[in-house]
Amino acid sequence: MSIQLAVKLPESLADELDRLVSEGTFASRSDAVRHAVEVLVRAEDRGRIDRAFAEGFARHPDTATEIADATRLAVESIEDEPWERWW
C-alpha cells in the first residue's frame, strides 16, 4: 500500500530534482523522493544502532585483559598469514 504525500520544495531544489530525472538517474520525481526518504531512514537507523552500541560499550567497556587478548590474537593471525614478498 502506498500513501500519497504533498511536499513543498524550494524551486532550486525542485530544479535539481528535475535535472536528475531528465538525466535518467531516477524515473520520476516520486522515484527520486522515495529513494531520498529511504536513504534518510536507513541512515537514521544506522545512527540509532551506532548510538546503542556506543552506549553499551560505555556501560561495559573492554577490560585490559580483553584488549590484550584481542591484540595478541590479531598479531598471531597476521603472523600466520602466508605473506608473499613483494619487494
PDB file of N, CA and C in Angstrom:
ATOM      1  N   MET A   1       0.838  -1.174   0.000  1.00  0.00           N
ATOM      2  CA  MET A   1       0.000   0.000   0.000  1.00  0.00           C
ATOM      3  C   MET A   1       0.883   1.238   0.000  1.00  0.00           C
ATOM      4  N   SER A   2       0.507   2.227  -0.720  1.00  0.00           N
ATOM      5  CA  SER A   2       1.243   3.477  -0.785  1.00  0.00           C
ATOM      6  C   SER A   2       0.380   4.598  -0.246  1.00  0.00           C
ATOM      7  N   ILE A   3       1.035   5.599   0.313  1.00  0.00           N
ATOM      8  CA  ILE A   3       0.357   6.795   0.798  1.00  0.00           C
ATOM      9  C   ILE A   3       0.926   7.976   0.038  1.00  0.00           C
ATOM     10  N   GLN A   4       0.059   8.816  -0.463  1.00  0.00           N
ATOM     11  CA  GLN A   4       0.498   9.988  -1.202  1.00  0.00           C
ATOM     12  C   GLN A   4       0.733  11.134  -0.225  1.00  0.00           C
ATOM     13  N   LEU A   5       1.892  11.796  -0.370  1.00  0.00           N
ATOM     14  CA  LEU A   5       2.249  12.931   0.464  1.00  0.00           C
ATOM     15  C   LEU A   5       2.458  14.159  -0.400  1.00  0.00           C
ATOM     16  N   ALA A   6       2.035  15.284   0.103  1.00  0.00           N
ATOM     17  CA  ALA A   6       2.310  16.550  -0.586  1.00  0.00           C
ATOM     18  C   ALA A   6       3.541  17.152   0.069  1.00  0.00           C
ATOM     19  N   VAL A   7       4.520  17.500  -0.744  1.00  0.00           N
ATOM     20  CA  VAL A   7       5.776  18.037  -0.228  1.00  0.00           C
ATOM     21  C   VAL A   7       6.081  19.333  -0.960  1.00  0.00           C
ATOM     22  N   LYS A   8       6.403  20.368  -0.205  1.00  0.00           N
ATOM     23  CA  LYS A   8       6.819  21.636  -0.810  1.00  0.00           C
ATOM     24  C   LYS A   8       8.336  21.708  -0.757  1.00  0.00           C
ATOM     25  N   LEU A   9       8.931  22.053  -1.900  1.00  0.00           N
ATOM     26  CA  LEU A   9      10.382  22.187  -2.002  1.00  0.00           C
ATOM     27  C   LEU A   9      10.722  23.566  -2.526  1.00  0.00           C
ATOM     28  N   PRO A  10      11.869  24.087  -2.132  1.00  0.00           N
ATOM     29  CA  PRO A  10      12.325  25.327  -2.770  1.00  0.00           C
ATOM     30  C   PRO A  10      12.488  25.084  -4.272  1.00  0.00           C
ATOM     31  N   GLU A  11      12.252  26.113  -5.064  1.00  0.00           N
ATOM     32  CA  GLU A  11      12.320  25.975  -6.518  1.00  0.00           C
ATOM     33  C   GLU A  11      13.671  25.438  -6.976  1.00  0.00           C
ATOM     34  N   SER A  12      14.753  25.906  -6.346  1.00  0.00           N
ATOM     35  CA  SER A  12      16.092  25.447  -6.754  1.00  0.00           C
ATOM     36  C   SER A  12      16.260  23.945  -6.514  1.00  0.00           C
ATOM     37  N   LEU A  13      15.690  23.436  -5.430  1.00  0.00           N
ATOM     38  CA  LEU A  13      15.794  22.003  -5.162  1.00  0.00           C
ATOM     39  C   LEU A  13      14.920  21.207  -6.126  1.00  0.00           C
ATOM     40  N   ALA A  14      13.751  21.744  -6.439  1.00  0.00           N
ATOM     41  CA  ALA A  14      12.888  21.087  -7.427  1.00  0.00           C
ATOM     42  C   ALA A  14      13.569  21.049  -8.788  1.00  0.00           C
ATOM     43  N   ASP A  15      14.284  22.116  -9.133  1.00  0.00           N
ATOM     44  CA  ASP A  15      15.030  22.134 -10.397  1.00  0.00           C
ATOM     45  C   ASP A  15      16.102  21.048 -10.415  1.00  0.00           C
ATOM     46  N   GLU A  16      16.801  20.905  -9.310  1.00  0.00           N
ATOM     47  CA  GLU A  16      17.828  19.849  -9.225  1.00  0.00           C
ATOM     48  C   GLU A  16      17.181  18.467  -9.331  1.00  0.00           C
ATOM     49  N   LEU A  17      16.045  18.291  -8.710  1.00  0.00           N
ATOM     50  CA  LEU A  17      15.307  17.036  -8.787  1.00  0.00           C
ATOM     51  C   LEU A  17      14.923  16.748 -10.238  1.00  0.00           C
ATOM     52  N   ASP A  18      14.409  17.760 -10.937  1.00  0.00           N
ATOM     53  CA  ASP A  18      14.038  17.601 -12.350  1.00  0.00           C
ATOM     54  C   ASP A  18      15.258  17.269 -13.202  1.00  0.00           C
ATOM     55  N   ARG A  19      16.412  17.856 -12.874  1.00  0.00           N
ATOM     56  CA  ARG A  19      17.641  17.558 -13.617  1.00  0.00           C
ATOM     57  C   ARG A  19      17.990  16.080 -13.467  1.00  0.00           C
ATOM     58  N   LEU A  20      17.890  15.563 -12.240  1.00  0.00           N
ATOM     59  CA  LEU A  20      18.193  14.145 -12.013  1.00  0.00           C
ATOM     60  C   LEU A  20      17.250  13.240 -12.801  1.00  0.00           C
ATOM     61  N   VAL A  21      15.994  13.634 -12.868  1.00  0.00           N
ATOM     62  CA  VAL A  21      15.021  12.853 -13.642  1.00  0.00           C
ATOM     63  C   VAL A  21      15.335  12.938 -15.127  1.00  0.00           C
ATOM     64  N   SER A  22      15.636  14.136 -15.615  1.00  0.00           N
ATOM     65  CA  SER A  22      15.911  14.291 -17.056  1.00  0.00           C
ATOM     66  C   SER A  22      17.194  13.581 -17.466  1.00  0.00           C
ATOM     67  N   GLU A  23      18.159  13.460 -16.541  1.00  0.00           N
ATOM     68  CA  GLU A  23      19.406  12.736 -16.842  1.00  0.00           C
ATOM     69  C   GLU A  23      19.224  11.222 -16.735  1.00  0.00           C
ATOM     70  N   GLY A  24      18.055  10.786 -16.263  1.00  0.00           N
ATOM     71  CA  GLY A  24      17.790   9.354 -16.163  1.00  0.00           C
ATOM     72  C   GLY A  24      18.242   8.727 -14.858  1.00  0.00           C
ATOM     73  N   THR A  25      18.685   9.544 -13.909  1.00  0.00           N
ATOM     74  CA  THR A  25      19.094   8.994 -12.614  1.00  0.00           C
ATOM     75  C   THR A  25      17.907   8.374 -11.894  1.00  0.00           C
ATOM     76  N   PHE A  26      16.755   9.012 -12.040  1.00  0.00           N
ATOM     77  CA  PHE A  26      15.518   8.498 -11.452  1.00  0.00           C
ATOM     78  C   PHE A  26      14.434   8.534 -12.519  1.00  0.00           C
ATOM     79  N   ALA A  27      13.456   7.639 -12.390  1.00  0.00           N
ATOM     80  CA  ALA A  27      12.388   7.549 -13.382  1.00  0.00           C
ATOM     81  C   ALA A  27      11.409   8.712 -13.276  1.00  0.00           C
ATOM     82  N   SER A  28      11.261   9.256 -12.079  1.00  0.00           N
ATOM     83  CA  SER A  28      10.296  10.334 -11.861  1.00  0.00           C
ATOM     84  C   SER A  28      10.672  11.097 -10.593  1.00  0.00           C
ATOM     85  N   ARG A  29       9.994  12.214 -10.401  1.00  0.00           N
ATOM     86  CA  ARG A  29      10.192  12.944  -9.147  1.00  0.00           C
ATOM     87  C   ARG A  29       9.846  12.055  -7.956  1.00  0.00           C
ATOM     88  N   SER A  30       8.735  11.341  -8.075  1.00  0.00           N
ATOM     89  CA  SER A  30       8.309  10.462  -6.980  1.00  0.00           C
ATOM     90  C   SER A  30       9.365   9.416  -6.671  1.00  0.00           C
ATOM     91  N   ASP A  31       9.948   8.842  -7.719  1.00  0.00           N
ATOM     92  CA  ASP A  31      11.001   7.839  -7.536  1.00  0.00           C
ATOM     93  C   ASP A  31      12.191   8.443  -6.808  1.00  0.00           C
ATOM     94  N   ALA A  32      12.568   9.660  -7.181  1.00  0.00           N
ATOM     95  CA  ALA A  32      13.707  10.323  -6.548  1.00  0.00           C
ATOM     96  C   ALA A  32      13.420  10.634  -5.083  1.00  0.00           C
ATOM     97  N   VAL A  33      12.237  11.162  -4.802  1.00  0.00           N
ATOM     98  CA  VAL A  33      11.881  11.488  -3.421  1.00  0.00           C
ATOM     99  C   VAL A  33      11.792  10.209  -2.588  1.00  0.00           C
ATOM    100  N   ARG A  34      11.214   9.158  -3.133  1.00  0.00           N
ATOM    101  CA  ARG A  34      11.115   7.883  -2.428  1.00  0.00           C
ATOM    102  C   ARG A  34      12.513   7.360  -2.080  1.00  0.00           C
ATOM    103  N   HIS A  35      13.416   7.441  -3.051  1.00  0.00           N
ATOM    104  CA  HIS A  35      14.798   6.997  -2.820  1.00  0.00           C
ATOM    105  C   HIS A  35      15.452   7.830  -1.707  1.00  0.00           C
ATOM    106  N   ALA A  36      15.256   9.146  -1.762  1.00  0.00           N
ATOM    107  CA  ALA A  36      15.853  10.026  -0.752  1.00  0.00           C
ATOM    108  C   ALA A  36      15.327   9.704   0.639  1.00  0.00           C
ATOM    109  N   VAL A  37      14.036   9.447   0.759  1.00  0.00           N
ATOM    110  CA  VAL A  37      13.457   9.123   2.064  1.00  0.00           C
ATOM    111  C   VAL A  37      13.990   7.776   2.559  1.00  0.00           C
ATOM    112  N   GLU A  38      14.123   6.804   1.670  1.00  0.00           N
ATOM    113  CA  GLU A  38      14.682   5.501   2.062  1.00  0.00           C
ATOM    114  C   GLU A  38      16.107   5.656   2.569  1.00  0.00           C
ATOM    115  N   VAL A  39      16.918   6.458   1.878  1.00  0.00           N
ATOM    116  CA  VAL A  39      18.299   6.694   2.308  1.00  0.00           C
ATOM    117  C   VAL A  39      18.319   7.363   3.678  1.00  0.00           C
ATOM    118  N   LEU A  40      17.466   8.352   3.870  1.00  0.00           N
ATOM    119  CA  LEU A  40      17.384   9.049   5.148  1.00  0.00           C
ATOM    120  C   LEU A  40      16.992   8.105   6.274  1.00  0.00           C
ATOM    121  N   VAL A  41      15.983   7.280   6.043  1.00  0.00           N
ATOM    122  CA  VAL A  41      15.517   6.348   7.076  1.00  0.00           C
ATOM    123  C   VAL A  41      16.615   5.341   7.415  1.00  0.00           C
ATOM    124  N   ARG A  42      17.298   4.799   6.403  1.00  0.00           N
ATOM    125  CA  ARG A  42      18.396   3.841   6.670  1.00  0.00           C
ATOM    126  C   ARG A  42      19.520   4.514   7.450  1.00  0.00           C
ATOM    127  N   ALA A  43      19.860   5.746   7.097  1.00  0.00           N
ATOM    128  CA  ALA A  43      20.930   6.465   7.808  1.00  0.00           C
ATOM    129  C   ALA A  43      20.544   6.690   9.258  1.00  0.00           C
ATOM    130  N   GLU A  44      19.308   7.064   9.500  1.00  0.00           N
ATOM    131  CA  GLU A  44      18.849   7.260  10.880  1.00  0.00           C
ATOM    132  C   GLU A  44      18.875   5.947  11.654  1.00  0.00           C
ATOM    133  N   ASP A  45      18.484   4.855  11.003  1.00  0.00           N
ATOM    134  CA  ASP A  45      18.539   3.537  11.660  1.00  0.00           C
ATOM    135  C   ASP A  45      19.972   3.174  12.026  1.00  0.00           C
ATOM    136  N   ARG A  46      20.908   3.395  11.085  1.00  0.00           N
ATOM    137  CA  ARG A  46      22.315   3.098  11.373  1.00  0.00           C
ATOM    138  C   ARG A  46      22.820   3.955  12.531  1.00  0.00           C
ATOM    139  N   GLY A  47      22.431   5.214  12.552  1.00  0.00           N
ATOM    140  CA  GLY A  47      22.834   6.099  13.643  1.00  0.00           C
ATOM    141  C   GLY A  47      22.294   5.623  14.976  1.00  0.00           C
ATOM    142  N   ARG A  48      21.045   5.190  14.996  1.00  0.00           N
ATOM    143  CA  ARG A  48      20.437   4.672  16.228  1.00  0.00           C
ATOM    144  C   ARG A  48      21.177   3.423  16.709  1.00  0.00           C
ATOM    145  N   ILE A  49      21.503   2.542  15.774  1.00  0.00           N
ATOM    146  CA  ILE A  49      22.244   1.320  16.131  1.00  0.00           C
ATOM    147  C   ILE A  49      23.634   1.681  16.638  1.00  0.00           C
ATOM    148  N   ASP A  50      24.310   2.602  15.959  1.00  0.00           N
ATOM    149  CA  ASP A  50      25.647   3.037  16.400  1.00  0.00           C
ATOM    150  C   ASP A  50      25.598   3.611  17.814  1.00  0.00           C
ATOM    151  N   ARG A  51      24.585   4.430  18.090  1.00  0.00           N
ATOM    152  CA  ARG A  51      24.463   5.017  19.438  1.00  0.00           C
ATOM    153  C   ARG A  51      24.215   3.937  20.478  1.00  0.00           C
ATOM    154  N   ALA A  52      23.403   2.934  20.132  1.00  0.00           N
ATOM    155  CA  ALA A  52      23.129   1.839  21.072  1.00  0.00           C
ATOM    156  C   ALA A  52      24.412   1.065  21.376  1.00  0.00           C
ATOM    157  N   PHE A  53      25.223   0.781  20.343  1.00  0.00           N
ATOM    158  CA  PHE A  53      26.499   0.099  20.564  1.00  0.00           C
ATOM    159  C   PHE A  53      27.407   0.942  21.446  1.00  0.00           C
ATOM    160  N   ALA A  54      27.497   2.235  21.155  1.00  0.00           N
ATOM    161  CA  ALA A  54      28.364   3.120  21.938  1.00  0.00           C
ATOM    162  C   ALA A  54      27.914   3.164  23.391  1.00  0.00           C
ATOM    163  N   GLU A  55      26.605   3.241  23.615  1.00  0.00           N
ATOM    164  CA  GLU A  55      26.102   3.257  24.988  1.00  0.00           C
ATOM    165  C   GLU A  55      26.413   1.940  25.691  1.00  0.00           C
ATOM    166  N   GLY A  56      26.275   0.834  24.967  1.00  0.00           N
ATOM    167  CA  GLY A  56      26.596  -0.474  25.552  1.00  0.00           C
ATOM    168  C   GLY A  56      28.065  -0.592  25.920  1.00  0.00           C
ATOM    169  N   PHE A  57      28.936  -0.143  25.010  1.00  0.00           N
ATOM    170  CA  PHE A  57      30.372  -0.192  25.307  1.00  0.00           C
ATOM    171  C   PHE A  57      30.731   0.746  26.451  1.00  0.00           C
ATOM    172  N   ALA A  58      30.032   1.875  26.549  1.00  0.00           N
ATOM    173  CA  ALA A  58      30.296   2.805  27.654  1.00  0.00           C
ATOM    174  C   ALA A  58      29.886   2.176  28.988  1.00  0.00           C
ATOM    175  N   ARG A  59      28.787   1.421  28.970  1.00  0.00           N
ATOM    176  CA  ARG A  59      28.344   0.762  30.209  1.00  0.00           C
ATOM    177  C   ARG A  59      29.215  -0.430  30.561  1.00  0.00           C
ATOM    178  N   HIS A  60      29.739  -1.121  29.542  1.00  0.00           N
ATOM    179  CA  HIS A  60      30.536  -2.330  29.765  1.00  0.00           C
ATOM    180  C   HIS A  60      31.810  -2.259  28.924  1.00  0.00           C
ATOM    181  N   PRO A  61      32.753  -1.399  29.296  1.00  0.00           N
ATOM    182  CA  PRO A  61      33.971  -1.258  28.486  1.00  0.00           C
ATOM    183  C   PRO A  61      34.833  -2.524  28.540  1.00  0.00           C
ATOM    184  N   ASP A  62      35.644  -2.696  27.511  1.00  0.00           N
ATOM    185  CA  ASP A  62      36.558  -3.828  27.484  1.00  0.00           C
ATOM    186  C   ASP A  62      37.555  -3.695  28.629  1.00  0.00           C
ATOM    187  N   THR A  63      37.894  -4.835  29.192  1.00  0.00           N
ATOM    188  CA  THR A  63      38.907  -4.828  30.253  1.00  0.00           C
ATOM    189  C   THR A  63      40.289  -4.845  29.608  1.00  0.00           C
ATOM    190  N   ALA A  64      41.290  -4.547  30.400  1.00  0.00           N
ATOM    191  CA  ALA A  64      42.673  -4.578  29.907  1.00  0.00           C
ATOM    192  C   ALA A  64      43.022  -5.978  29.409  1.00  0.00           C
ATOM    193  N   THR A  65      42.533  -6.991  30.084  1.00  0.00           N
ATOM    194  CA  THR A  65      42.797  -8.380  29.672  1.00  0.00           C
ATOM    195  C   THR A  65      42.162  -8.669  28.321  1.00  0.00           C
ATOM    196  N   GLU A  66      40.938  -8.211  28.108  1.00  0.00           N
ATOM    197  CA  GLU A  66      40.261  -8.436  26.821  1.00  0.00           C
ATOM    198  C   GLU A  66      40.987  -7.715  25.691  1.00  0.00           C
ATOM    199  N   ILE A  67      41.444  -6.516  25.945  1.00  0.00           N
ATOM    200  CA  ILE A  67      42.182  -5.771  24.929  1.00  0.00           C
ATOM    201  C   ILE A  67      43.502  -6.457  24.616  1.00  0.00           C
ATOM    202  N   ALA A  68      44.188  -6.916  25.636  1.00  0.00           N
ATOM    203  CA  ALA A  68      45.460  -7.620  25.438  1.00  0.00           C
ATOM    204  C   ALA A  68      45.237  -8.904  24.646  1.00  0.00           C
ATOM    205  N   ASP A  69      44.184  -9.658  24.975  1.00  0.00           N
ATOM    206  CA  ASP A  69      43.880 -10.891  24.240  1.00  0.00           C
ATOM    207  C   ASP A  69      43.551 -10.598  22.783  1.00  0.00           C
ATOM    208  N   ALA A  70      42.770  -9.563  22.530  1.00  0.00           N
ATOM    209  CA  ALA A  70      42.416  -9.205  21.156  1.00  0.00           C
ATOM    210  C   ALA A  70      43.650  -8.795  20.369  1.00  0.00           C
ATOM    211  N   THR A  71      44.534  -8.048  20.999  1.00  0.00           N
ATOM    212  CA  THR A  71      45.770  -7.629  20.338  1.00  0.00           C
ATOM    213  C   THR A  71      46.638  -8.834  20.022  1.00  0.00           C
ATOM    214  N   ARG A  72      46.783  -9.727  20.990  1.00  0.00           N
ATOM    215  CA  ARG A  72      47.596 -10.934  20.786  1.00  0.00           C
ATOM    216  C   ARG A  72      47.036 -11.773  19.641  1.00  0.00           C
ATOM    217  N   LEU A  73      45.725 -11.968  19.621  1.00  0.00           N
ATOM    218  CA  LEU A  73      45.105 -12.772  18.565  1.00  0.00           C
ATOM    219  C   LEU A  73      45.252 -12.111  17.195  1.00  0.00           C
ATOM    220  N   ALA A  74      45.159 -10.795  17.138  1.00  0.00           N
ATOM    221  CA  ALA A  74      45.337 -10.092  15.873  1.00  0.00           C
ATOM    222  C   ALA A  74      46.753 -10.269  15.355  1.00  0.00           C
ATOM    223  N   VAL A  75      47.728 -10.111  16.230  1.00  0.00           N
ATOM    224  CA  VAL A  75      49.131 -10.272  15.829  1.00  0.00           C
ATOM    225  C   VAL A  75      49.381 -11.706  15.372  1.00  0.00           C
ATOM    226  N   GLU A  76      48.859 -12.684  16.112  1.00  0.00           N
ATOM    227  CA  GLU A  76      49.041 -14.087  15.730  1.00  0.00           C
ATOM    228  C   GLU A  76      48.425 -14.378  14.363  1.00  0.00           C
ATOM    229  N   SER A  77      47.241 -13.830  14.109  1.00  0.00           N
ATOM    230  CA  SER A  77      46.592 -14.110  12.829  1.00  0.00           C
ATOM    231  C   SER A  77      47.376 -13.487  11.676  1.00  0.00           C
ATOM    232  N   ILE A  78      47.965 -12.326  11.899  1.00  0.00           N
ATOM    233  CA  ILE A  78      48.792 -11.703  10.863  1.00  0.00           C
ATOM    234  C   ILE A  78      50.060 -12.507  10.637  1.00  0.00           C
ATOM    235  N   GLU A  79      50.665 -12.948  11.718  1.00  0.00           N
ATOM    236  CA  GLU A  79      51.899 -13.736  11.595  1.00  0.00           C
ATOM    237  C   GLU A  79      51.646 -15.081  10.939  1.00  0.00           C
ATOM    238  N   ASP A  80      50.432 -15.628  11.088  1.00  0.00           N
ATOM    239  CA  ASP A  80      50.096 -16.921  10.490  1.00  0.00           C
ATOM    240  C   ASP A  80      49.805 -16.832   8.993  1.00  0.00           C
ATOM    241  N   GLU A  81      49.613 -15.642   8.470  1.00  0.00           N
ATOM    242  CA  GLU A  81      49.317 -15.471   7.048  1.00  0.00           C
ATOM    243  C   GLU A  81      50.547 -15.802   6.209  1.00  0.00           C
ATOM    244  N   PRO A  82      50.343 -16.487   5.089  1.00  0.00           N
ATOM    245  CA  PRO A  82      51.463 -16.811   4.202  1.00  0.00           C
ATOM    246  C   PRO A  82      51.766 -15.637   3.272  1.00  0.00           C
ATOM    247  N   TRP A  83      52.308 -14.565   3.829  1.00  0.00           N
ATOM    248  CA  TRP A  83      52.575 -13.365   3.059  1.00  0.00           C
ATOM    249  C   TRP A  83      53.638 -13.622   2.004  1.00  0.00           C
ATOM    250  N   GLU A  84      53.360 -13.124   0.805  1.00  0.00           N
ATOM    251  CA  GLU A  84      54.364 -13.212  -0.258  1.00  0.00           C
ATOM    252  C   GLU A  84      55.197 -11.944  -0.236  1.00  0.00           C
ATOM    253  N   ARG A  85      56.474 -12.110  -0.498  1.00  0.00           N
ATOM    254  CA  ARG A  85      57.329 -10.934  -0.574  1.00  0.00           C
ATOM    255  C   ARG A  85      56.979 -10.143  -1.806  1.00  0.00           C
ATOM    256  N   TRP A  86      56.833  -8.859  -1.663  1.00  0.00           N
ATOM    257  CA  TRP A  86      56.503  -8.002  -2.791  1.00  0.00           C
ATOM    258  C   TRP A  86      57.667  -7.142  -3.202  1.00  0.00           C
ATOM    259  N   TRP A  87      58.770  -7.272  -2.527  1.00  0.00           N
ATOM    260  CA  TRP A  87      59.937  -6.429  -2.874  1.00  0.00           C
ATOM    261  C   TRP A  87      61.064  -7.251  -3.411  1.00  0.00           C
TER     262      TRP A  87
END
